[in-house]
Amino acid sequence: MHYKPFLVFLGKFIISYLILTFIYQSYLGRFDAKNAEVDTFTQLVADESASVLSWLDAKSFTMPHLTEPSVKLFYKGKYISRIIEGCNALSVIILFISFVIAFTGKFKNTILFIIFGCVLIHVLNISRIALLCFGLYHLPHYEHLMHGVIFPLVIYGVVFLLWVIWVNKYSIHATGTTKK
């Protein structure tokens, strides 16, 4: 059965993804979205983004949104954007981790690469939000281009590059090809 490696990959990916998604959804279930309660990680992402923006302007801060589960982000004292659960990049991180687990490598390498990748994705996401707010303040007419095209392309492009590096340098598949 020459499809076995693909089926093993697919099985590991789906199981990892489902388990991590279940854990994440259980975490989100602890917060009352109907009462505009934001999960802790989304709040952290919003606060860190405001901290980065404060390097450019001291009037950058966050404020709870009173009618929906989001955080208002202000730049130069102006309400620029709202940070929702989907902005925290945890779904992208779950996808990244699932792929790395599916393309198994040595345990230590796998753990270290997952930690490195998650930190990199988180830092890029904070930078993305801060740059997006900066851009929306100065060039609001380019909102769709920045939010819908450029920044997703950068985040998913980096995740794709991390996957390529993982498969070619650290996964068991890479070890097998270098020994031939």
N, C-alpha and C. Protein backbone atom coordinates (compact mmCIF):
# COMPACT_ATOMS: atom_id res chain seq x y z
N MET A 1 0.85 -1.18 0.00
CA MET A 1 0.00 0.00 0.00
C MET A 1 0.89 1.24 0.00
N HIS A 2 1.09 1.83 -1.17
CA HIS A 2 1.99 2.97 -1.29
C HIS A 2 1.37 4.29 -0.83
N TYR A 3 0.10 4.26 -0.43
CA TYR A 3 -0.56 5.46 0.11
C TYR A 3 -0.40 5.57 1.62
N LYS A 4 0.22 4.57 2.23
CA LYS A 4 0.30 4.53 3.69
C LYS A 4 0.96 5.78 4.28
N PRO A 5 2.11 6.27 3.77
CA PRO A 5 2.70 7.47 4.36
C PRO A 5 1.76 8.68 4.32
N PHE A 6 1.03 8.82 3.22
CA PHE A 6 0.09 9.93 3.12
C PHE A 6 -1.05 9.77 4.13
N LEU A 7 -1.57 8.55 4.25
CA LEU A 7 -2.67 8.30 5.18
C LEU A 7 -2.23 8.50 6.63
N VAL A 8 -1.00 8.12 6.95
CA VAL A 8 -0.46 8.34 8.30
C VAL A 8 -0.34 9.85 8.56
N PHE A 9 0.20 10.58 7.59
CA PHE A 9 0.29 12.04 7.70
C PHE A 9 -1.09 12.64 7.92
N LEU A 10 -2.02 12.26 7.07
CA LEU A 10 -3.37 12.80 7.15
C LEU A 10 -4.03 12.48 8.49
N GLY A 11 -3.87 11.24 8.94
CA GLY A 11 -4.43 10.84 10.24
C GLY A 11 -3.85 11.63 11.39
N LYS A 12 -2.52 11.78 11.42
CA LYS A 12 -1.88 12.57 12.48
C LYS A 12 -2.33 14.02 12.44
N PHE A 13 -2.41 14.56 11.23
CA PHE A 13 -2.82 15.95 11.08
C PHE A 13 -4.25 16.15 11.60
N ILE A 14 -5.16 15.32 11.15
CA ILE A 14 -6.57 15.47 11.54
C ILE A 14 -6.75 15.27 13.04
N ILE A 15 -6.12 14.24 13.59
CA ILE A 15 -6.25 13.99 15.04
C ILE A 15 -5.66 15.14 15.84
N SER A 16 -4.46 15.60 15.47
CA SER A 16 -3.83 16.73 16.18
C SER A 16 -4.70 17.97 16.09
N TYR A 17 -5.18 18.25 14.88
CA TYR A 17 -5.99 19.44 14.66
C TYR A 17 -7.28 19.38 15.47
N LEU A 18 -7.94 18.24 15.46
CA LEU A 18 -9.19 18.10 16.21
C LEU A 18 -8.96 18.22 17.72
N ILE A 19 -7.92 17.60 18.23
CA ILE A 19 -7.62 17.68 19.67
C ILE A 19 -7.31 19.12 20.07
N LEU A 20 -6.43 19.78 19.32
CA LEU A 20 -6.07 21.16 19.65
C LEU A 20 -7.26 22.10 19.51
N THR A 21 -8.07 21.88 18.49
CA THR A 21 -9.27 22.71 18.31
C THR A 21 -10.26 22.48 19.44
N PHE A 22 -10.42 21.24 19.87
CA PHE A 22 -11.30 20.94 21.01
C PHE A 22 -10.80 21.65 22.27
N ILE A 23 -9.50 21.59 22.52
CA ILE A 23 -8.93 22.27 23.70
C ILE A 23 -9.17 23.78 23.60
N TYR A 24 -8.94 24.33 22.43
CA TYR A 24 -9.14 25.78 22.23
C TYR A 24 -10.60 26.17 22.41
N GLN A 25 -11.51 25.39 21.83
CA GLN A 25 -12.94 25.69 21.98
C GLN A 25 -13.39 25.55 23.43
N SER A 26 -12.82 24.58 24.15
CA SER A 26 -13.12 24.44 25.58
C SER A 26 -12.64 25.66 26.35
N TYR A 27 -11.46 26.14 26.00
CA TYR A 27 -10.93 27.37 26.61
C TYR A 27 -11.87 28.54 26.33
N LEU A 28 -12.27 28.71 25.07
CA LEU A 28 -13.16 29.82 24.71
C LEU A 28 -14.51 29.71 25.40
N GLY A 29 -14.96 28.49 25.65
CA GLY A 29 -16.23 28.27 26.32
C GLY A 29 -16.29 28.80 27.74
N ARG A 30 -15.14 29.08 28.31
CA ARG A 30 -15.08 29.61 29.68
C ARG A 30 -15.44 31.09 29.73
N PHE A 31 -15.56 31.74 28.57
CA PHE A 31 -15.83 33.17 28.50
C PHE A 31 -17.24 33.40 27.95
N ASP A 32 -17.91 34.39 28.47
CA ASP A 32 -19.30 34.65 28.11
C ASP A 32 -19.37 35.71 27.00
N ALA A 33 -19.37 35.24 25.76
CA ALA A 33 -19.40 36.15 24.62
C ALA A 33 -20.69 36.97 24.57
N LYS A 34 -21.78 36.40 25.05
CA LYS A 34 -23.06 37.12 25.04
C LYS A 34 -23.01 38.36 25.92
N ASN A 35 -22.13 38.35 26.91
CA ASN A 35 -21.95 39.52 27.78
C ASN A 35 -20.70 40.30 27.43
N ALA A 36 -20.26 40.18 26.18
CA ALA A 36 -19.11 40.92 25.65
C ALA A 36 -17.80 40.60 26.38
N GLU A 37 -17.70 39.38 26.91
CA GLU A 37 -16.47 38.98 27.60
C GLU A 37 -15.46 38.45 26.59
N VAL A 38 -14.25 38.97 26.65
CA VAL A 38 -13.17 38.60 25.74
C VAL A 38 -12.27 37.58 26.43
N ASP A 39 -11.81 36.59 25.67
CA ASP A 39 -10.89 35.62 26.25
C ASP A 39 -9.55 36.28 26.59
N THR A 40 -8.85 35.70 27.53
CA THR A 40 -7.62 36.27 28.07
C THR A 40 -6.53 36.44 27.01
N PHE A 41 -6.41 35.47 26.11
CA PHE A 41 -5.35 35.56 25.11
C PHE A 41 -5.61 36.67 24.10
N THR A 42 -6.86 36.84 23.72
CA THR A 42 -7.20 37.94 22.80
C THR A 42 -6.92 39.28 23.48
N GLN A 43 -7.24 39.38 24.76
CA GLN A 43 -6.94 40.61 25.52
C GLN A 43 -5.44 40.86 25.55
N LEU A 44 -4.66 39.79 25.77
CA LEU A 44 -3.20 39.91 25.78
C LEU A 44 -2.69 40.40 24.43
N VAL A 45 -3.19 39.84 23.34
CA VAL A 45 -2.77 40.25 22.00
C VAL A 45 -3.09 41.73 21.78
N ALA A 46 -4.28 42.15 22.18
CA ALA A 46 -4.66 43.55 22.02
C ALA A 46 -3.75 44.46 22.84
N ASP A 47 -3.49 44.08 24.09
CA ASP A 47 -2.63 44.89 24.96
C ASP A 47 -1.20 44.96 24.43
N GLU A 48 -0.68 43.84 23.95
CA GLU A 48 0.68 43.84 23.39
C GLU A 48 0.75 44.68 22.12
N SER A 49 -0.30 44.64 21.31
CA SER A 49 -0.34 45.46 20.09
C SER A 49 -0.36 46.94 20.45
N ALA A 50 -1.12 47.29 21.48
CA ALA A 50 -1.16 48.69 21.94
C ALA A 50 0.21 49.10 22.49
N SER A 51 0.90 48.18 23.16
CA SER A 51 2.24 48.49 23.66
C SER A 51 3.21 48.80 22.52
N VAL A 52 3.13 48.02 21.46
CA VAL A 52 3.98 48.27 20.29
C VAL A 52 3.62 49.62 19.68
N LEU A 53 2.32 49.89 19.55
CA LEU A 53 1.89 51.18 19.00
C LEU A 53 2.33 52.35 19.88
N SER A 54 2.43 52.13 21.19
CA SER A 54 2.83 53.20 22.10
C SER A 54 4.28 53.63 21.87
N TRP A 55 5.07 52.81 21.20
CA TRP A 55 6.43 53.22 20.82
C TRP A 55 6.36 54.37 19.82
N LEU A 56 5.27 54.41 19.05
CA LEU A 56 5.09 55.46 18.05
C LEU A 56 4.29 56.64 18.60
N ASP A 57 3.36 56.34 19.50
CA ASP A 57 2.52 57.40 20.06
C ASP A 57 2.02 56.97 21.44
N ALA A 58 2.23 57.82 22.42
CA ALA A 58 1.87 57.51 23.80
C ALA A 58 0.36 57.41 24.00
N LYS A 59 -0.42 57.89 23.06
CA LYS A 59 -1.88 57.85 23.18
C LYS A 59 -2.45 56.57 22.56
N SER A 60 -1.71 55.49 22.66
CA SER A 60 -2.17 54.19 22.17
C SER A 60 -2.58 53.35 23.37
N PHE A 61 -3.78 52.79 23.31
CA PHE A 61 -4.27 52.01 24.45
C PHE A 61 -5.43 51.12 23.99
N THR A 62 -5.84 50.24 24.88
CA THR A 62 -6.99 49.39 24.62
C THR A 62 -8.11 49.74 25.59
N MET A 63 -9.31 49.33 25.20
CA MET A 63 -10.48 49.54 26.04
C MET A 63 -11.47 48.41 25.72
N PRO A 64 -12.13 47.88 26.73
CA PRO A 64 -13.12 46.83 26.43
C PRO A 64 -14.25 47.38 25.56
N HIS A 65 -14.72 46.54 24.66
CA HIS A 65 -15.89 46.90 23.87
C HIS A 65 -17.09 46.49 24.73
N LEU A 66 -18.03 47.37 24.93
CA LEU A 66 -19.11 47.11 25.87
C LEU A 66 -20.27 46.30 25.29
N THR A 67 -20.35 46.21 23.96
CA THR A 67 -21.50 45.54 23.36
C THR A 67 -21.15 44.27 22.58
N GLU A 68 -19.88 43.95 22.45
CA GLU A 68 -19.48 42.74 21.74
C GLU A 68 -18.18 42.21 22.33
N PRO A 69 -17.90 40.90 22.15
CA PRO A 69 -16.68 40.32 22.71
C PRO A 69 -15.45 40.71 21.89
N SER A 70 -14.99 41.93 22.11
CA SER A 70 -13.80 42.42 21.42
C SER A 70 -13.15 43.49 22.27
N VAL A 71 -11.98 43.90 21.84
CA VAL A 71 -11.22 44.94 22.53
C VAL A 71 -11.02 46.08 21.54
N LYS A 72 -11.31 47.28 21.96
CA LYS A 72 -11.09 48.45 21.12
C LYS A 72 -9.62 48.83 21.21
N LEU A 73 -9.01 49.12 20.07
CA LEU A 73 -7.61 49.53 20.01
C LEU A 73 -7.55 50.96 19.50
N PHE A 74 -6.89 51.80 20.28
CA PHE A 74 -6.77 53.22 19.98
C PHE A 74 -5.33 53.54 19.61
N TYR A 75 -5.18 54.41 18.62
CA TYR A 75 -3.86 54.91 18.21
C TYR A 75 -3.99 56.42 18.06
N LYS A 76 -3.06 57.14 18.66
CA LYS A 76 -3.11 58.61 18.68
C LYS A 76 -4.43 59.09 19.26
N GLY A 77 -4.94 58.34 20.23
CA GLY A 77 -6.18 58.69 20.91
C GLY A 77 -7.43 58.42 20.10
N LYS A 78 -7.30 57.83 18.90
CA LYS A 78 -8.44 57.58 18.02
C LYS A 78 -8.74 56.09 17.97
N TYR A 79 -10.01 55.73 18.06
CA TYR A 79 -10.44 54.34 17.94
C TYR A 79 -10.18 53.90 16.50
N ILE A 80 -9.28 52.92 16.34
CA ILE A 80 -8.86 52.49 15.01
C ILE A 80 -9.44 51.12 14.64
N SER A 81 -9.38 50.19 15.57
CA SER A 81 -9.86 48.84 15.23
C SER A 81 -10.32 48.09 16.46
N ARG A 82 -11.02 47.02 16.19
CA ARG A 82 -11.43 46.14 17.27
C ARG A 82 -10.69 44.82 17.10
N ILE A 83 -10.25 44.28 18.20
CA ILE A 83 -9.54 43.00 18.19
C ILE A 83 -10.53 41.94 18.67
N ILE A 84 -10.83 41.00 17.78
CA ILE A 84 -11.74 39.91 18.13
C ILE A 84 -10.95 38.63 18.32
N GLU A 85 -11.62 37.59 18.75
CA GLU A 85 -10.96 36.30 19.00
C GLU A 85 -10.19 35.83 17.77
N GLY A 86 -10.71 36.03 16.59
CA GLY A 86 -10.04 35.60 15.36
C GLY A 86 -8.74 36.32 15.07
N CYS A 87 -8.50 37.44 15.75
CA CYS A 87 -7.26 38.22 15.55
C CYS A 87 -6.09 37.69 16.37
N ASN A 88 -6.34 36.76 17.27
CA ASN A 88 -5.27 36.35 18.19
C ASN A 88 -4.30 35.33 17.59
N ALA A 89 -4.57 34.84 16.39
CA ALA A 89 -3.71 33.91 15.64
C ALA A 89 -3.63 32.51 16.23
N LEU A 90 -4.45 32.21 17.23
CA LEU A 90 -4.38 30.86 17.79
C LEU A 90 -4.85 29.80 16.79
N SER A 91 -5.78 30.12 15.92
CA SER A 91 -6.20 29.14 14.91
C SER A 91 -5.06 28.87 13.92
N VAL A 92 -4.28 29.88 13.61
CA VAL A 92 -3.11 29.70 12.73
C VAL A 92 -2.05 28.86 13.45
N ILE A 93 -1.87 29.11 14.73
CA ILE A 93 -0.90 28.34 15.52
C ILE A 93 -1.32 26.88 15.62
N ILE A 94 -2.62 26.63 15.79
CA ILE A 94 -3.12 25.25 15.83
C ILE A 94 -2.84 24.54 14.51
N LEU A 95 -3.07 25.22 13.41
CA LEU A 95 -2.79 24.67 12.09
C LEU A 95 -1.30 24.36 11.94
N PHE A 96 -0.45 25.30 12.37
CA PHE A 96 1.00 25.12 12.31
C PHE A 96 1.44 23.89 13.12
N ILE A 97 0.98 23.81 14.37
CA ILE A 97 1.38 22.70 15.25
C ILE A 97 0.91 21.37 14.67
N SER A 98 -0.31 21.33 14.17
CA SER A 98 -0.86 20.08 13.61
C SER A 98 -0.02 19.57 12.45
N PHE A 99 0.41 20.48 11.60
CA PHE A 99 1.24 20.09 10.45
C PHE A 99 2.59 19.55 10.92
N VAL A 100 3.21 20.23 11.88
CA VAL A 100 4.52 19.79 12.38
C VAL A 100 4.40 18.41 13.02
N ILE A 101 3.35 18.21 13.80
CA ILE A 101 3.14 16.90 14.42
C ILE A 101 2.90 15.83 13.35
N ALA A 102 2.15 16.18 12.32
CA ALA A 102 1.85 15.21 11.26
C ALA A 102 3.10 14.79 10.50
N PHE A 103 4.05 15.69 10.34
CA PHE A 103 5.33 15.39 9.70
C PHE A 103 6.36 15.19 10.80
N THR A 104 6.17 14.15 11.56
CA THR A 104 6.94 13.88 12.75
C THR A 104 8.45 14.01 12.54
N GLY A 105 9.09 14.50 13.58
CA GLY A 105 10.55 14.55 13.63
C GLY A 105 10.99 14.02 14.98
N LYS A 106 12.26 14.19 15.29
CA LYS A 106 12.74 13.80 16.61
C LYS A 106 11.99 14.62 17.66
N PHE A 107 11.71 13.99 18.79
CA PHE A 107 10.87 14.63 19.81
C PHE A 107 11.39 16.00 20.22
N LYS A 108 12.68 16.09 20.54
CA LYS A 108 13.25 17.37 20.98
C LYS A 108 13.14 18.42 19.87
N ASN A 109 13.50 18.05 18.65
CA ASN A 109 13.39 18.99 17.52
C ASN A 109 11.94 19.44 17.31
N THR A 110 11.01 18.49 17.44
CA THR A 110 9.61 18.81 17.25
C THR A 110 9.15 19.84 18.28
N ILE A 111 9.45 19.60 19.54
CA ILE A 111 9.04 20.52 20.62
C ILE A 111 9.69 21.89 20.42
N LEU A 112 11.00 21.91 20.16
CA LEU A 112 11.70 23.19 19.98
C LEU A 112 11.18 23.96 18.77
N PHE A 113 10.91 23.25 17.67
CA PHE A 113 10.41 23.92 16.46
C PHE A 113 9.01 24.46 16.69
N ILE A 114 8.18 23.69 17.39
CA ILE A 114 6.83 24.16 17.70
C ILE A 114 6.90 25.41 18.57
N ILE A 115 7.74 25.41 19.59
CA ILE A 115 7.87 26.59 20.46
C ILE A 115 8.37 27.78 19.65
N PHE A 116 9.44 27.57 18.88
CA PHE A 116 9.98 28.65 18.05
C PHE A 116 8.92 29.19 17.09
N GLY A 117 8.23 28.29 16.39
CA GLY A 117 7.21 28.70 15.43
C GLY A 117 6.07 29.45 16.08
N CYS A 118 5.61 28.97 17.23
CA CYS A 118 4.50 29.64 17.92
C CYS A 118 4.90 31.05 18.38
N VAL A 119 6.09 31.18 18.91
CA VAL A 119 6.57 32.50 19.33
C VAL A 119 6.71 33.42 18.12
N LEU A 120 7.27 32.91 17.03
CA LEU A 120 7.42 33.72 15.82
C LEU A 120 6.06 34.15 15.27
N ILE A 121 5.12 33.24 15.20
CA ILE A 121 3.78 33.58 14.71
C ILE A 121 3.14 34.63 15.62
N HIS A 122 3.29 34.46 16.93
CA HIS A 122 2.72 35.42 17.88
C HIS A 122 3.33 36.82 17.69
N VAL A 123 4.65 36.88 17.60
CA VAL A 123 5.33 38.16 17.42
C VAL A 123 4.93 38.80 16.08
N LEU A 124 4.87 38.00 15.03
CA LEU A 124 4.43 38.52 13.74
C LEU A 124 2.99 39.02 13.80
N ASN A 125 2.15 38.33 14.55
CA ASN A 125 0.76 38.75 14.66
C ASN A 125 0.64 40.08 15.40
N ILE A 126 1.39 40.24 16.47
CA ILE A 126 1.39 41.51 17.21
C ILE A 126 1.88 42.63 16.29
N SER A 127 2.94 42.35 15.56
CA SER A 127 3.47 43.34 14.61
C SER A 127 2.45 43.65 13.53
N ARG A 128 1.77 42.61 13.04
CA ARG A 128 0.74 42.77 12.01
C ARG A 128 -0.37 43.70 12.50
N ILE A 129 -0.85 43.47 13.70
CA ILE A 129 -1.94 44.29 14.23
C ILE A 129 -1.48 45.73 14.42
N ALA A 130 -0.28 45.90 14.98
CA ALA A 130 0.24 47.26 15.19
C ALA A 130 0.43 47.99 13.86
N LEU A 131 1.03 47.31 12.88
CA LEU A 131 1.23 47.94 11.57
C LEU A 131 -0.09 48.21 10.87
N LEU A 132 -1.04 47.30 11.03
CA LEU A 132 -2.35 47.50 10.44
C LEU A 132 -3.03 48.73 11.04
N CYS A 133 -2.96 48.90 12.36
CA CYS A 133 -3.55 50.08 13.00
C CYS A 133 -2.85 51.36 12.54
N PHE A 134 -1.54 51.31 12.47
CA PHE A 134 -0.77 52.44 11.96
C PHE A 134 -1.22 52.78 10.54
N GLY A 135 -1.33 51.75 9.71
CA GLY A 135 -1.75 51.94 8.32
C GLY A 135 -3.17 52.45 8.21
N LEU A 136 -4.08 51.90 9.05
CA LEU A 136 -5.47 52.35 9.00
C LEU A 136 -5.62 53.80 9.44
N TYR A 137 -4.76 54.22 10.35
CA TYR A 137 -4.81 55.62 10.79
C TYR A 137 -4.39 56.55 9.65
N HIS A 138 -3.30 56.19 8.97
CA HIS A 138 -2.74 57.05 7.93
C HIS A 138 -3.34 56.83 6.54
N LEU A 139 -3.75 55.61 6.25
CA LEU A 139 -4.26 55.27 4.91
C LEU A 139 -5.54 54.43 5.03
N PRO A 140 -6.59 54.98 5.60
CA PRO A 140 -7.80 54.18 5.83
C PRO A 140 -8.45 53.62 4.57
N HIS A 141 -8.23 54.25 3.43
CA HIS A 141 -8.83 53.78 2.19
C HIS A 141 -8.18 52.48 1.67
N TYR A 142 -7.07 52.07 2.27
CA TYR A 142 -6.42 50.82 1.89
C TYR A 142 -6.72 49.68 2.88
N GLU A 143 -7.79 49.84 3.64
CA GLU A 143 -8.12 48.84 4.66
C GLU A 143 -8.23 47.43 4.08
N HIS A 144 -8.99 47.25 3.03
CA HIS A 144 -9.17 45.91 2.46
C HIS A 144 -7.83 45.32 1.99
N LEU A 145 -7.04 46.12 1.31
CA LEU A 145 -5.75 45.64 0.83
C LEU A 145 -4.85 45.21 1.98
N MET A 146 -4.79 46.03 3.03
CA MET A 146 -3.93 45.71 4.17
C MET A 146 -4.47 44.53 4.97
N HIS A 147 -5.76 44.61 5.37
CA HIS A 147 -6.34 43.61 6.26
C HIS A 147 -6.69 42.32 5.52
N GLY A 148 -7.16 42.44 4.30
CA GLY A 148 -7.63 41.27 3.58
C GLY A 148 -6.63 40.59 2.68
N VAL A 149 -5.53 41.29 2.32
CA VAL A 149 -4.59 40.72 1.36
C VAL A 149 -3.16 40.66 1.92
N ILE A 150 -2.57 41.81 2.18
CA ILE A 150 -1.15 41.86 2.52
C ILE A 150 -0.82 41.13 3.82
N PHE A 151 -1.53 41.47 4.90
CA PHE A 151 -1.18 40.89 6.19
C PHE A 151 -1.50 39.40 6.29
N PRO A 152 -2.63 38.91 5.75
CA PRO A 152 -2.82 37.45 5.73
C PRO A 152 -1.75 36.75 4.89
N LEU A 153 -1.38 37.37 3.78
CA LEU A 153 -0.35 36.79 2.92
C LEU A 153 0.97 36.64 3.68
N VAL A 154 1.31 37.64 4.46
CA VAL A 154 2.56 37.59 5.24
C VAL A 154 2.49 36.49 6.29
N ILE A 155 1.41 36.47 7.08
CA ILE A 155 1.30 35.47 8.15
C ILE A 155 1.29 34.06 7.57
N TYR A 156 0.42 33.81 6.60
CA TYR A 156 0.34 32.46 6.03
C TYR A 156 1.59 32.12 5.22
N GLY A 157 2.22 33.12 4.63
CA GLY A 157 3.48 32.89 3.93
C GLY A 157 4.58 32.44 4.88
N VAL A 158 4.66 33.07 6.03
CA VAL A 158 5.67 32.68 7.03
C VAL A 158 5.38 31.28 7.55
N VAL A 159 4.11 30.98 7.81
CA VAL A 159 3.74 29.63 8.27
C VAL A 159 4.13 28.61 7.21
N PHE A 160 3.86 28.91 5.95
CA PHE A 160 4.24 28.00 4.88
C PHE A 160 5.76 27.80 4.84
N LEU A 161 6.52 28.89 4.97
CA LEU A 161 7.99 28.77 4.99
C LEU A 161 8.47 27.93 6.18
N LEU A 162 7.84 28.12 7.33
CA LEU A 162 8.19 27.29 8.49
C LEU A 162 7.93 25.82 8.20
N TRP A 163 6.80 25.52 7.55
CA TRP A 163 6.50 24.13 7.19
C TRP A 163 7.55 23.57 6.24
N VAL A 164 7.95 24.37 5.25
CA VAL A 164 8.97 23.92 4.29
C VAL A 164 10.28 23.64 5.01
N ILE A 165 10.67 24.53 5.89
CA ILE A 165 11.89 24.32 6.68
C ILE A 165 11.77 23.05 7.51
N TRP A 166 10.63 22.87 8.17
CA TRP A 166 10.42 21.69 9.01
C TRP A 166 10.55 20.41 8.19
N VAL A 167 9.85 20.34 7.08
CA VAL A 167 9.84 19.12 6.27
C VAL A 167 11.22 18.84 5.70
N ASN A 168 11.92 19.87 5.27
CA ASN A 168 13.21 19.66 4.60
C ASN A 168 14.40 19.55 5.53
N LYS A 169 14.29 20.03 6.75
CA LYS A 169 15.46 20.02 7.64
C LYS A 169 15.29 19.19 8.91
N TYR A 170 14.08 19.08 9.43
CA TYR A 170 13.92 18.49 10.76
C TYR A 170 13.00 17.29 10.85
N SER A 171 12.12 17.09 9.91
CA SER A 171 11.19 15.97 10.00
C SER A 171 11.92 14.66 9.73
N ILE A 172 11.27 13.57 10.05
CA ILE A 172 11.85 12.25 9.76
C ILE A 172 12.05 12.09 8.26
N HIS A 173 11.16 12.68 7.48
CA HIS A 173 11.30 12.62 6.02
C HIS A 173 12.64 13.25 5.59
N ALA A 174 13.01 14.36 6.19
CA ALA A 174 14.28 15.02 5.85
C ALA A 174 15.44 14.13 6.24
N THR A 175 15.36 13.49 7.39
CA THR A 175 16.42 12.58 7.83
C THR A 175 16.56 11.43 6.86
N GLY A 176 15.43 10.90 6.39
CA GLY A 176 15.46 9.78 5.46
C GLY A 176 16.06 10.15 4.12
N THR A 177 15.81 11.35 3.64
CA THR A 177 16.32 11.75 2.34
C THR A 177 17.80 12.11 2.40
N THR A 178 18.28 12.58 3.55
CA THR A 178 19.69 12.93 3.63
C THR A 178 20.57 11.71 3.80
N LYS A 179 20.02 10.59 4.23
CA LYS A 179 20.81 9.37 4.44
C LYS A 179 20.96 8.56 3.15
N LYS A 180 20.19 8.87 2.12
CA LYS A 180 20.25 8.08 0.88
C LYS A 180 21.49 8.36 0.10
